């Protein structure tokens, strides 16, 4: 898979920080879902698998991402 702007990719949450959600992507790359997107950082935890979209080209070793879905690793009972 080529990691380019507009691509939808599955990644794993590495860490939650004041800047946003740091995500491990394919090909050993990382990305950040910025806190400015209002993603509700407290809703996520390290290790969760989520679906993201790449919104900017790689810069300073990481991509900027947008959240597409967090449902991939959640069981129905976990959502309530």
PDB file of N, CA and C in Angstrom:
ATOM      1  N   UNK A   1       0.842  -1.180   0.000  1.00  0.00           N
ATOM      2  CA  UNK A   1       0.000   0.000   0.000  1.00  0.00           C
ATOM      3  C   UNK A   1       0.884   1.238   0.000  1.00  0.00           C
ATOM      4  N   UNK A   2       0.546   2.192  -0.827  1.00  0.00           N
ATOM      5  CA  UNK A   2       1.269   3.454  -0.857  1.00  0.00           C
ATOM      6  C   UNK A   2       0.623   4.427   0.106  1.00  0.00           C
ATOM      7  N   UNK A   3       1.439   5.009   0.969  1.00  0.00           N
ATOM      8  CA  UNK A   3       0.933   5.994   1.921  1.00  0.00           C
ATOM      9  C   UNK A   3       1.002   7.369   1.272  1.00  0.00           C
ATOM     10  N   UNK A   4      -0.158   7.867   0.863  1.00  0.00           N
ATOM     11  CA  UNK A   4      -0.226   9.163   0.199  1.00  0.00           C
ATOM     12  C   UNK A   4      -1.480   9.887   0.659  1.00  0.00           C
ATOM     13  N   UNK A   5      -1.513  11.182   0.452  1.00  0.00           N
ATOM     14  CA  UNK A   5      -2.656  11.991   0.863  1.00  0.00           C
ATOM     15  C   UNK A   5      -3.933  11.427   0.250  1.00  0.00           C
ATOM     16  N   UNK A   6      -4.944  11.264   1.086  1.00  0.00           N
ATOM     17  CA  UNK A   6      -6.234  10.736   0.655  1.00  0.00           C
ATOM     18  C   UNK A   6      -6.402   9.252   0.900  1.00  0.00           C
ATOM     19  N   UNK A   7      -5.304   8.538   1.149  1.00  0.00           N
ATOM     20  CA  UNK A   7      -5.376   7.093   1.388  1.00  0.00           C
ATOM     21  C   UNK A   7      -6.031   6.818   2.740  1.00  0.00           C
ATOM     22  N   UNK A   8      -6.857   5.789   2.777  1.00  0.00           N
ATOM     23  CA  UNK A   8      -7.469   5.330   4.015  1.00  0.00           C
ATOM     24  C   UNK A   8      -6.657   4.142   4.497  1.00  0.00           C
ATOM     25  N   UNK A   9      -6.164   4.229   5.740  1.00  0.00           N
ATOM     26  CA  UNK A   9      -5.283   3.192   6.270  1.00  0.00           C
ATOM     27  C   UNK A   9      -5.706   2.793   7.678  1.00  0.00           C
ATOM     28  N   UNK A  10      -5.437   1.545   8.005  1.00  0.00           N
ATOM     29  CA  UNK A  10      -5.676   1.036   9.351  1.00  0.00           C
ATOM     30  C   UNK A  10      -4.392   1.200  10.147  1.00  0.00           C
ATOM     31  N   UNK A  11      -4.532   1.662  11.377  1.00  0.00           N
ATOM     32  CA  UNK A  11      -3.368   1.849  12.233  1.00  0.00           C
ATOM     33  C   UNK A  11      -3.698   1.506  13.668  1.00  0.00           C
ATOM     34  N   UNK A  12      -2.674   1.501  14.501  1.00  0.00           N
ATOM     35  CA  UNK A  12      -2.847   1.182  15.913  1.00  0.00           C
ATOM     36  C   UNK A  12      -2.448   2.397  16.749  1.00  0.00           C
ATOM     37  N   UNK A  13      -3.293   2.732  17.722  1.00  0.00           N
ATOM     38  CA  UNK A  13      -2.994   3.853  18.609  1.00  0.00           C
ATOM     39  C   UNK A  13      -1.752   3.512  19.425  1.00  0.00           C
ATOM     40  N   UNK A  14      -0.742   4.388  19.335  1.00  0.00           N
ATOM     41  CA  UNK A  14       0.488   4.211  20.096  1.00  0.00           C
ATOM     42  C   UNK A  14       0.388   4.935  21.430  1.00  0.00           C
ATOM     43  N   UNK A  15      -0.050   6.194  21.353  1.00  0.00           N
ATOM     44  CA  UNK A  15      -0.047   7.034  22.549  1.00  0.00           C
ATOM     45  C   UNK A  15      -1.039   8.175  22.374  1.00  0.00           C
ATOM     46  N   UNK A  16      -1.596   8.607  23.496  1.00  0.00           N
ATOM     47  CA  UNK A  16      -2.466   9.775  23.535  1.00  0.00           C
ATOM     48  C   UNK A  16      -1.657  10.893  24.184  1.00  0.00           C
ATOM     49  N   UNK A  17      -1.580  12.052  23.538  1.00  0.00           N
ATOM     50  CA  UNK A  17      -0.799  13.160  24.086  1.00  0.00           C
ATOM     51  C   UNK A  17      -1.611  14.445  24.023  1.00  0.00           C
ATOM     52  N   UNK A  18      -1.026  15.509  24.512  1.00  0.00           N
ATOM     53  CA  UNK A  18      -1.676  16.818  24.464  1.00  0.00           C
ATOM     54  C   UNK A  18      -1.864  17.287  23.021  1.00  0.00           C
ATOM     55  N   UNK A  19      -1.027  16.782  22.106  1.00  0.00           N
ATOM     56  CA  UNK A  19      -1.115  17.159  20.694  1.00  0.00           C
ATOM     57  C   UNK A  19      -2.185  16.394  19.936  1.00  0.00           C
ATOM     58  N   UNK A  20      -2.528  15.198  20.403  1.00  0.00           N
ATOM     59  CA  UNK A  20      -3.506  14.373  19.719  1.00  0.00           C
ATOM     60  C   UNK A  20      -3.241  12.899  19.915  1.00  0.00           C
ATOM     61  N   UNK A  21      -3.613  12.109  18.920  1.00  0.00           N
ATOM     62  CA  UNK A  21      -3.493  10.652  18.987  1.00  0.00           C
ATOM     63  C   UNK A  21      -2.400  10.210  18.020  1.00  0.00           C
ATOM     64  N   UNK A  22      -1.352   9.610  18.545  1.00  0.00           N
ATOM     65  CA  UNK A  22      -0.247   9.115  17.729  1.00  0.00           C
ATOM     66  C   UNK A  22      -0.589   7.695  17.280  1.00  0.00           C
ATOM     67  N   UNK A  23      -0.466   7.455  15.968  1.00  0.00           N
ATOM     68  CA  UNK A  23      -0.911   6.198  15.365  1.00  0.00           C
ATOM     69  C   UNK A  23       0.232   5.545  14.591  1.00  0.00           C
ATOM     70  N   UNK A  24       0.414   4.237  14.786  1.00  0.00           N
ATOM     71  CA  UNK A  24       1.366   3.442  14.021  1.00  0.00           C
ATOM     72  C   UNK A  24       0.689   3.036  12.714  1.00  0.00           C
ATOM     73  N   UNK A  25       1.365   3.302  11.605  1.00  0.00           N
ATOM     74  CA  UNK A  25       0.826   3.017  10.273  1.00  0.00           C
ATOM     75  C   UNK A  25       1.623   1.911   9.598  1.00  0.00           C
ATOM     76  N   UNK A  26       1.126   1.383   8.470  1.00  0.00           N
ATOM     77  CA  UNK A  26       1.899   0.404   7.713  1.00  0.00           C
ATOM     78  C   UNK A  26       3.253   0.985   7.296  1.00  0.00           C
ATOM     79  N   UNK A  27       4.155   0.128   6.898  1.00  0.00           N
ATOM     80  CA  UNK A  27       5.486   0.488   6.418  1.00  0.00           C
ATOM     81  C   UNK A  27       6.336   1.141   7.504  1.00  0.00           C
ATOM     82  N   UNK A  28       5.992   0.926   8.785  1.00  0.00           N
ATOM     83  CA  UNK A  28       6.773   1.474   9.881  1.00  0.00           C
ATOM     84  C   UNK A  28       6.640   2.970  10.062  1.00  0.00           C
ATOM     85  N   UNK A  29       5.652   3.580   9.468  1.00  0.00           N
ATOM     86  CA  UNK A  29       5.431   5.025   9.548  1.00  0.00           C
ATOM     87  C   UNK A  29       4.515   5.352  10.725  1.00  0.00           C
ATOM     88  N   UNK A  30       4.449   6.630  11.081  1.00  0.00           N
ATOM     89  CA  UNK A  30       3.540   7.087  12.136  1.00  0.00           C
ATOM     90  C   UNK A  30       2.748   8.280  11.635  1.00  0.00           C
ATOM     91  N   UNK A  31       1.642   8.534  12.312  1.00  0.00           N
ATOM     92  CA  UNK A  31       0.800   9.676  11.985  1.00  0.00           C
ATOM     93  C   UNK A  31       0.176  10.228  13.243  1.00  0.00           C
ATOM     94  N   UNK A  32      -0.339  11.441  13.149  1.00  0.00           N
ATOM     95  CA  UNK A  32      -0.960  12.107  14.280  1.00  0.00           C
ATOM     96  C   UNK A  32      -2.338  12.597  13.890  1.00  0.00           C
ATOM     97  N   UNK A  33      -3.322  12.256  14.702  1.00  0.00           N
ATOM     98  CA  UNK A  33      -4.655  12.852  14.576  1.00  0.00           C
ATOM     99  C   UNK A  33      -4.641  14.029  15.538  1.00  0.00           C
ATOM    100  N   UNK A  34      -4.585  15.260  15.020  1.00  0.00           N
ATOM    101  CA  UNK A  34      -4.436  16.421  15.897  1.00  0.00           C
ATOM    102  C   UNK A  34      -5.624  16.614  16.826  1.00  0.00           C
ATOM    103  N   UNK A  35      -5.337  17.134  18.010  1.00  0.00           N
ATOM    104  CA  UNK A  35      -6.373  17.409  18.990  1.00  0.00           C
ATOM    105  C   UNK A  35      -7.380  18.424  18.440  1.00  0.00           C
ATOM    106  N   UNK A  36      -6.972  19.252  17.507  1.00  0.00           N
ATOM    107  CA  UNK A  36      -7.855  20.261  16.923  1.00  0.00           C
ATOM    108  C   UNK A  36      -9.021  19.660  16.159  1.00  0.00           C
ATOM    109  N   UNK A  37      -8.949  18.370  15.835  1.00  0.00           N
ATOM    110  CA  UNK A  37     -10.051  17.711  15.133  1.00  0.00           C
ATOM    111  C   UNK A  37     -11.173  17.296  16.074  1.00  0.00           C
ATOM    112  N   UNK A  38     -10.986  17.515  17.378  1.00  0.00           N
ATOM    113  CA  UNK A  38     -12.035  17.181  18.342  1.00  0.00           C
ATOM    114  C   UNK A  38     -12.361  15.705  18.373  1.00  0.00           C
ATOM    115  N   UNK A  39     -11.344  14.852  18.334  1.00  0.00           N
ATOM    116  CA  UNK A  39     -11.559  13.415  18.256  1.00  0.00           C
ATOM    117  C   UNK A  39     -11.928  12.779  19.587  1.00  0.00           C
ATOM    118  N   UNK A  40     -11.888  13.523  20.670  1.00  0.00           N
ATOM    119  CA  UNK A  40     -12.216  12.930  21.966  1.00  0.00           C
ATOM    120  C   UNK A  40     -11.146  11.970  22.427  1.00  0.00           C
ATOM    121  N   UNK A  41      -9.965  12.499  22.717  1.00  0.00           N
ATOM    122  CA  UNK A  41      -8.819  11.665  23.066  1.00  0.00           C
ATOM    123  C   UNK A  41      -9.115  10.686  24.186  1.00  0.00           C
ATOM    124  N   UNK A  42      -9.956  11.049  25.134  1.00  0.00           N
ATOM    125  CA  UNK A  42     -10.234  10.159  26.261  1.00  0.00           C
ATOM    126  C   UNK A  42     -11.018   8.920  25.828  1.00  0.00           C
ATOM    127  N   UNK A  43     -11.553   8.939  24.629  1.00  0.00           N
ATOM    128  CA  UNK A  43     -12.327   7.821  24.106  1.00  0.00           C
ATOM    129  C   UNK A  43     -11.425   6.676  23.639  1.00  0.00           C
ATOM    130  N   UNK A  44     -10.156   6.976  23.390  1.00  0.00           N
ATOM    131  CA  UNK A  44      -9.223   6.001  22.843  1.00  0.00           C
ATOM    132  C   UNK A  44      -8.215   5.538  23.873  1.00  0.00           C
ATOM    133  N   UNK A  45      -7.608   4.390  23.604  1.00  0.00           N
ATOM    134  CA  UNK A  45      -6.531   3.905  24.468  1.00  0.00           C
ATOM    135  C   UNK A  45      -5.465   3.252  23.588  1.00  0.00           C
ATOM    136  N   UNK A  46      -4.248   3.211  24.106  1.00  0.00           N
ATOM    137  CA  UNK A  46      -3.134   2.617  23.361  1.00  0.00           C
ATOM    138  C   UNK A  46      -3.465   1.175  23.001  1.00  0.00           C
ATOM    139  N   UNK A  47      -3.113   0.785  21.792  1.00  0.00           N
ATOM    140  CA  UNK A  47      -3.347  -0.571  21.321  1.00  0.00           C
ATOM    141  C   UNK A  47      -4.598  -0.735  20.479  1.00  0.00           C
ATOM    142  N   UNK A  48      -5.503   0.240  20.516  1.00  0.00           N
ATOM    143  CA  UNK A  48      -6.715   0.137  19.701  1.00  0.00           C
ATOM    144  C   UNK A  48      -6.385   0.252  18.222  1.00  0.00           C
ATOM    145  N   UNK A  49      -7.082  -0.486  17.409  1.00  0.00           N
ATOM    146  CA  UNK A  49      -6.925  -0.424  15.963  1.00  0.00           C
ATOM    147  C   UNK A  49      -8.016   0.491  15.427  1.00  0.00           C
ATOM    148  N   UNK A  50      -7.597   1.490  14.629  1.00  0.00           N
ATOM    149  CA  UNK A  50      -8.545   2.455  14.085  1.00  0.00           C
ATOM    150  C   UNK A  50      -8.304   2.632  12.593  1.00  0.00           C
ATOM    151  N   UNK A  51      -9.261   3.231  11.923  1.00  0.00           N
ATOM    152  CA  UNK A  51      -9.142   3.529  10.498  1.00  0.00           C
ATOM    153  C   UNK A  51      -8.983   5.038  10.356  1.00  0.00           C
ATOM    154  N   UNK A  52      -7.951   5.440   9.601  1.00  0.00           N
ATOM    155  CA  UNK A  52      -7.655   6.856   9.431  1.00  0.00           C
ATOM    156  C   UNK A  52      -7.508   7.197   7.958  1.00  0.00           C
ATOM    157  N   UNK A  53      -7.510   8.499   7.689  1.00  0.00           N
ATOM    158  CA  UNK A  53      -7.248   8.979   6.324  1.00  0.00           C
ATOM    159  C   UNK A  53      -6.062   9.934   6.411  1.00  0.00           C
ATOM    160  N   UNK A  54      -5.129   9.791   5.496  1.00  0.00           N
ATOM    161  CA  UNK A  54      -3.964  10.670   5.458  1.00  0.00           C
ATOM    162  C   UNK A  54      -4.388  12.009   4.868  1.00  0.00           C
ATOM    163  N   UNK A  55      -4.119  13.103   5.622  1.00  0.00           N
ATOM    164  CA  UNK A  55      -4.565  14.428   5.186  1.00  0.00           C
ATOM    165  C   UNK A  55      -3.428  15.339   4.723  1.00  0.00           C
ATOM    166  N   UNK A  56      -2.184  15.025   5.114  1.00  0.00           N
ATOM    167  CA  UNK A  56      -1.047  15.834   4.664  1.00  0.00           C
ATOM    168  C   UNK A  56       0.111  14.907   4.290  1.00  0.00           C
ATOM    169  N   UNK A  57       0.992  15.367   3.415  1.00  0.00           N
ATOM    170  CA  UNK A  57       2.185  14.569   3.097  1.00  0.00           C
ATOM    171  C   UNK A  57       3.052  14.396   4.338  1.00  0.00           C
ATOM    172  N   UNK A  58       3.888  13.373   4.314  1.00  0.00           N
ATOM    173  CA  UNK A  58       4.781  13.114   5.435  1.00  0.00           C
ATOM    174  C   UNK A  58       5.718  14.309   5.639  1.00  0.00           C
ATOM    175  N   UNK A  59       5.805  14.766   6.878  1.00  0.00           N
ATOM    176  CA  UNK A  59       6.698  15.867   7.239  1.00  0.00           C
ATOM    177  C   UNK A  59       7.256  15.584   8.627  1.00  0.00           C
ATOM    178  N   UNK A  60       8.540  15.800   8.789  1.00  0.00           N
ATOM    179  CA  UNK A  60       9.199  15.557  10.067  1.00  0.00           C
ATOM    180  C   UNK A  60       8.950  14.136  10.577  1.00  0.00           C
ATOM    181  N   UNK A  61       8.897  13.183   9.647  1.00  0.00           N
ATOM    182  CA  UNK A  61       8.787  11.783  10.010  1.00  0.00           C
ATOM    183  C   UNK A  61       7.397  11.263  10.291  1.00  0.00           C
ATOM    184  N   UNK A  62       6.362  12.081  10.108  1.00  0.00           N
ATOM    185  CA  UNK A  62       5.004  11.580  10.324  1.00  0.00           C
ATOM    186  C   UNK A  62       3.993  12.270   9.424  1.00  0.00           C
ATOM    187  N   UNK A  63       2.851  11.600   9.289  1.00  0.00           N
ATOM    188  CA  UNK A  63       1.731  12.124   8.509  1.00  0.00           C
ATOM    189  C   UNK A  63       0.728  12.769   9.455  1.00  0.00           C
ATOM    190  N   UNK A  64      -0.075  13.671   8.936  1.00  0.00           N
ATOM    191  CA  UNK A  64      -1.229  14.150   9.691  1.00  0.00           C
ATOM    192  C   UNK A  64      -2.421  13.336   9.208  1.00  0.00           C
ATOM    193  N   UNK A  65      -3.259  12.929  10.158  1.00  0.00           N
ATOM    194  CA  UNK A  65      -4.361  12.017   9.866  1.00  0.00           C
ATOM    195  C   UNK A  65      -5.703  12.599  10.289  1.00  0.00           C
ATOM    196  N   UNK A  66      -6.761  12.013   9.757  1.00  0.00           N
ATOM    197  CA  UNK A  66      -8.129  12.280  10.201  1.00  0.00           C
ATOM    198  C   UNK A  66      -8.742  10.943  10.571  1.00  0.00           C
ATOM    199  N   UNK A  67      -9.509  10.917  11.633  1.00  0.00           N
ATOM    200  CA  UNK A  67     -10.172   9.684  12.053  1.00  0.00           C
ATOM    201  C   UNK A  67     -11.308   9.347  11.097  1.00  0.00           C
ATOM    202  N   UNK A  68     -11.358   8.095  10.658  1.00  0.00           N
ATOM    203  CA  UNK A  68     -12.453   7.618   9.817  1.00  0.00           C
ATOM    204  C   UNK A  68     -13.386   6.761  10.662  1.00  0.00           C
ATOM    205  N   UNK A  69     -12.820   5.798  11.420  1.00  0.00           N
ATOM    206  CA  UNK A  69     -13.632   4.905  12.237  1.00  0.00           C
ATOM    207  C   UNK A  69     -12.809   4.310  13.362  1.00  0.00           C
ATOM    208  N   UNK A  70     -13.455   4.141  14.507  1.00  0.00           N
ATOM    209  CA  UNK A  70     -12.802   3.483  15.646  1.00  0.00           C
ATOM    210  C   UNK A  70     -13.495   2.172  15.954  1.00  0.00           C
ATOM    211  N   UNK A  71     -14.350   1.733  15.097  1.00  0.00           N
ATOM    212  CA  UNK A  71     -15.166   0.552  15.368  1.00  0.00           C
ATOM    213  C   UNK A  71     -14.444  -0.766  15.145  1.00  0.00           C
ATOM    214  N   UNK A  72     -13.320  -0.759  14.494  1.00  0.00           N
ATOM    215  CA  UNK A  72     -12.681  -2.008  14.083  1.00  0.00           C
ATOM    216  C   UNK A  72     -12.276  -2.893  15.261  1.00  0.00           C
ATOM    217  N   UNK A  73     -11.880  -2.305  16.386  1.00  0.00           N
ATOM    218  CA  UNK A  73     -11.412  -3.138  17.493  1.00  0.00           C
ATOM    219  C   UNK A  73     -12.337  -3.102  18.697  1.00  0.00           C
ATOM    220  N   UNK A  74     -13.483  -2.526  18.546  1.00  0.00           N
ATOM    221  CA  UNK A  74     -14.411  -2.432  19.669  1.00  0.00           C
ATOM    222  C   UNK A  74     -15.530  -3.460  19.536  1.00  0.00           C
ATOM    223  N   UNK A  75     -15.827  -4.109  20.630  1.00  0.00           N
ATOM    224  CA  UNK A  75     -16.954  -5.027  20.675  1.00  0.00           C
ATOM    225  C   UNK A  75     -18.208  -4.204  20.917  1.00  0.00           C
ATOM    226  N   UNK A  76     -19.385  -4.655  20.485  1.00  0.00           N
ATOM    227  CA  UNK A  76     -20.607  -3.879  20.696  1.00  0.00           C
ATOM    228  C   UNK A  76     -20.821  -3.457  22.145  1.00  0.00           C
ATOM    229  N   UNK A  77     -20.518  -4.307  23.097  1.00  0.00           N
ATOM    230  CA  UNK A  77     -20.734  -3.972  24.507  1.00  0.00           C
ATOM    231  C   UNK A  77     -19.802  -2.866  24.986  1.00  0.00           C
ATOM    232  N   UNK A  78     -18.665  -2.689  24.320  1.00  0.00           N
ATOM    233  CA  UNK A  78     -17.701  -1.668  24.712  1.00  0.00           C
ATOM    234  C   UNK A  78     -18.152  -0.264  24.350  1.00  0.00           C
ATOM    235  N   UNK A  79     -19.140  -0.132  23.514  1.00  0.00           N
ATOM    236  CA  UNK A  79     -19.569   1.189  23.050  1.00  0.00           C
ATOM    237  C   UNK A  79     -20.577   1.837  23.980  1.00  0.00           C
ATOM    238  N   UNK A  80     -21.048   1.145  24.987  1.00  0.00           N
ATOM    239  CA  UNK A  80     -22.103   1.687  25.842  1.00  0.00           C
ATOM    240  C   UNK A  80     -21.593   2.075  27.197  1.00  0.00           C
TER     241      UNK A  80
END
